[in-house]
C-alpha atoms as a PDB file:
ATOM      1  CA  MET A   1       0.000   0.000   0.000  1.00  0.00           C
ATOM      2  CA  ARG A   2       1.468   3.336  -1.037  1.00  0.00           C
ATOM      3  CA  ILE A   3       1.481   5.718   1.917  1.00  0.00           C
ATOM      4  CA  GLY A   4       3.390   8.641   0.524  1.00  0.00           C
ATOM      5  CA  LYS A   5       6.015  10.069  -1.745  1.00  0.00           C
ATOM      6  CA  HIS A   6       9.747  10.505  -1.131  1.00  0.00           C
ATOM      7  CA  PRO A   7      11.208  13.920  -2.086  1.00  0.00           C
ATOM      8  CA  LEU A   8      12.884  12.191  -5.070  1.00  0.00           C
ATOM      9  CA  GLY A   9       9.416  11.358  -6.403  1.00  0.00           C
ATOM     10  CA  ILE A  10       9.438   7.628  -5.622  1.00  0.00           C
ATOM     11  CA  GLY A  11       6.686   5.916  -3.672  1.00  0.00           C
ATOM     12  CA  VAL A  12       6.877   5.045   0.015  1.00  0.00           C
ATOM     13  CA  TYR A  13       5.062   1.814   0.878  1.00  0.00           C
ATOM     14  CA  LEU A  14       3.804  -0.383   3.688  1.00  0.00           C
ATOM     15  CA  PHE A  15       3.794  -4.066   2.757  1.00  0.00           C
ATOM     16  CA  ASP A  16       3.963  -7.638   4.016  1.00  0.00           C
ATOM     17  CA  TYR A  17       6.487 -10.117   2.645  1.00  0.00           C
ATOM     18  CA  ARG A  18       5.049 -13.196   0.996  1.00  0.00           C
ATOM     19  CA  PRO A  19       5.048 -16.208   3.357  1.00  0.00           C
ATOM     20  CA  GLU A  20       8.028 -17.860   1.670  1.00  0.00           C
ATOM     21  CA  PHE A  21      10.194 -14.769   2.376  1.00  0.00           C
ATOM     22  CA  GLN A  22       9.016 -13.877   5.887  1.00  0.00           C
ATOM     23  CA  GLN A  23      11.488 -16.005   7.832  1.00  0.00           C
ATOM     24  CA  GLN A  24      14.429 -14.448   5.992  1.00  0.00           C
ATOM     25  CA  TYR A  25      13.222 -10.843   5.655  1.00  0.00           C
ATOM     26  CA  GLY A  26      10.668 -10.245   8.396  1.00  0.00           C
ATOM     27  CA  TYR A  27       7.168 -10.834   9.636  1.00  0.00           C
ATOM     28  CA  GLY A  28       4.395  -8.287   9.879  1.00  0.00           C
ATOM     29  CA  ARG A  29       4.053  -4.901   8.279  1.00  0.00           C
ATOM     30  CA  GLN A  30       7.205  -3.528   6.656  1.00  0.00           C
ATOM     31  CA  PHE A  31       8.129  -0.066   5.391  1.00  0.00           C
ATOM     32  CA  GLY A  32      10.069   0.557   2.223  1.00  0.00           C
ATOM     33  CA  VAL A  33      10.549   1.763  -1.300  1.00  0.00           C
ATOM     34  CA  MET A  34      10.594  -0.204  -4.551  1.00  0.00           C
ATOM     35  CA  VAL A  35      14.067  -0.929  -5.871  1.00  0.00           C
ATOM     36  CA  ASP A  36      13.016  -0.450  -9.500  1.00  0.00           C
ATOM     37  CA  GLU A  37      11.729   3.054  -8.686  1.00  0.00           C
ATOM     38  CA  VAL A  38      14.914   3.911  -6.761  1.00  0.00           C
ATOM     39  CA  GLU A  39      17.113   2.787  -9.680  1.00  0.00           C
ATOM     40  CA  THR A  40      15.506   5.366 -11.975  1.00  0.00           C
ATOM     41  CA  VAL A  41      16.299   8.362  -9.725  1.00  0.00           C
ATOM     42  CA  ALA A  42      19.177   7.252  -7.474  1.00  0.00           C
ATOM     43  CA  PRO A  43      21.026   4.278  -8.982  1.00  0.00           C
ATOM     44  CA  GLN A  44      23.894   4.796  -6.522  1.00  0.00           C
ATOM     45  CA  ALA A  45      21.496   3.735  -3.734  1.00  0.00           C
ATOM     46  CA  VAL A  46      21.019   0.248  -5.256  1.00  0.00           C
ATOM     47  CA  SER A  47      23.456  -2.643  -4.948  1.00  0.00           C
ATOM     48  CA  ILE A  48      23.419  -6.399  -5.412  1.00  0.00           C
ATOM     49  CA  SER A  49      23.350  -8.577  -2.279  1.00  0.00           C
ATOM     50  CA  SER A  50      25.507 -11.657  -1.758  1.00  0.00           C
ATOM     51  CA  ILE A  51      22.587 -13.813  -2.953  1.00  0.00           C
ATOM     52  CA  GLY A  52      22.068 -11.788  -6.124  1.00  0.00           C
ATOM     53  CA  ARG A  53      19.083  -9.660  -5.064  1.00  0.00           C
ATOM     54  CA  LYS A  54      18.948  -5.915  -5.571  1.00  0.00           C
ATOM     55  CA  VAL A  55      18.875  -4.001  -2.284  1.00  0.00           C
ATOM     56  CA  VAL A  56      18.341  -0.353  -1.387  1.00  0.00           C
ATOM     57  CA  ASP A  57      20.665   1.665   0.843  1.00  0.00           C
ATOM     58  CA  TYR A  58      17.957   3.523   2.759  1.00  0.00           C
ATOM     59  CA  GLU A  59      20.398   5.796   4.546  1.00  0.00           C
ATOM     60  CA  SER A  60      21.573   7.214   1.209  1.00  0.00           C
ATOM     61  CA  LEU A  61      17.933   8.166   0.546  1.00  0.00           C
ATOM     62  CA  GLY A  62      17.699   9.936   3.905  1.00  0.00           C
ATOM     63  CA  ILE A  63      15.501   7.185   5.334  1.00  0.00           C
ATOM     64  CA  TRP A  64      17.215   5.985   8.462  1.00  0.00           C
ATOM     65  CA  GLN A  65      14.636   6.229  11.197  1.00  0.00           C
ATOM     66  CA  PHE A  66      10.966   5.380  11.054  1.00  0.00           C
ATOM     67  CA  ASP A  67       8.092   3.985  13.056  1.00  0.00           C
ATOM     68  CA  VAL A  68       5.654   1.787  11.141  1.00  0.00           C
ATOM     69  CA  GLY A  69       3.072   2.450  13.849  1.00  0.00           C
ATOM     70  CA  GLN A  70       3.183   6.157  13.008  1.00  0.00           C
ATOM     71  CA  PRO A  71       3.886   6.428   9.275  1.00  0.00           C
ATOM     72  CA  GLU A  72       3.295  10.174   9.298  1.00  0.00           C
ATOM     73  CA  LYS A  73       6.622  10.498  11.177  1.00  0.00           C
ATOM     74  CA  ILE A  74       8.845   8.710   8.657  1.00  0.00           C
ATOM     75  CA  CYS A  75      11.992  10.818   8.570  1.00  0.00           C
ATOM     76  CA  GLY A  76      10.365  13.833   6.967  1.00  0.00           C
ATOM     77  CA  VAL A  77       8.894  11.864   4.066  1.00  0.00           C
ATOM     78  CA  PRO A  78       5.368  13.222   3.482  1.00  0.00           C
ATOM     79  CA  THR A  79       2.821  10.440   3.755  1.00  0.00           C
ATOM     80  CA  THR A  80      -0.815  10.186   2.765  1.00  0.00           C
ATOM     81  CA  ALA A  81      -1.843  10.462   6.426  1.00  0.00           C
ATOM     82  CA  GLU A  82       0.163  13.660   6.809  1.00  0.00           C
ATOM     83  CA  SER A  83      -1.264  15.119   3.602  1.00  0.00           C
ATOM     84  CA  ARG A  84      -4.824  14.401   4.743  1.00  0.00           C
ATOM     85  CA  SER A  85      -4.295  16.077   8.113  1.00  0.00           C
ATOM     86  CA  LYS A  86      -2.860  19.231   6.470  1.00  0.00           C
ATOM     87  CA  SER A  87      -5.790  19.547   4.072  1.00  0.00           C
ATOM     88  CA  LYS A  88      -8.389  19.648   6.874  1.00  0.00           C
END
């Protein structure tokens, strides 16, 4: 689910890993960006992991601290929740 937009124009998402990936990557709601979107605007933030998967260096995008329970406070990245509250 897209919850906002990073200043570089890429989407910011909440998602759940598919069951076959949960043990390796995490259970429950996750926060992130899509690697294919990042590659188009910040290719230096994408690398290849030791198992051949593309990974994002979140710190290079300025995303280094966040709370999934309060997505409106994700390191200054405007989220849908924040946008709604400002428009009221």
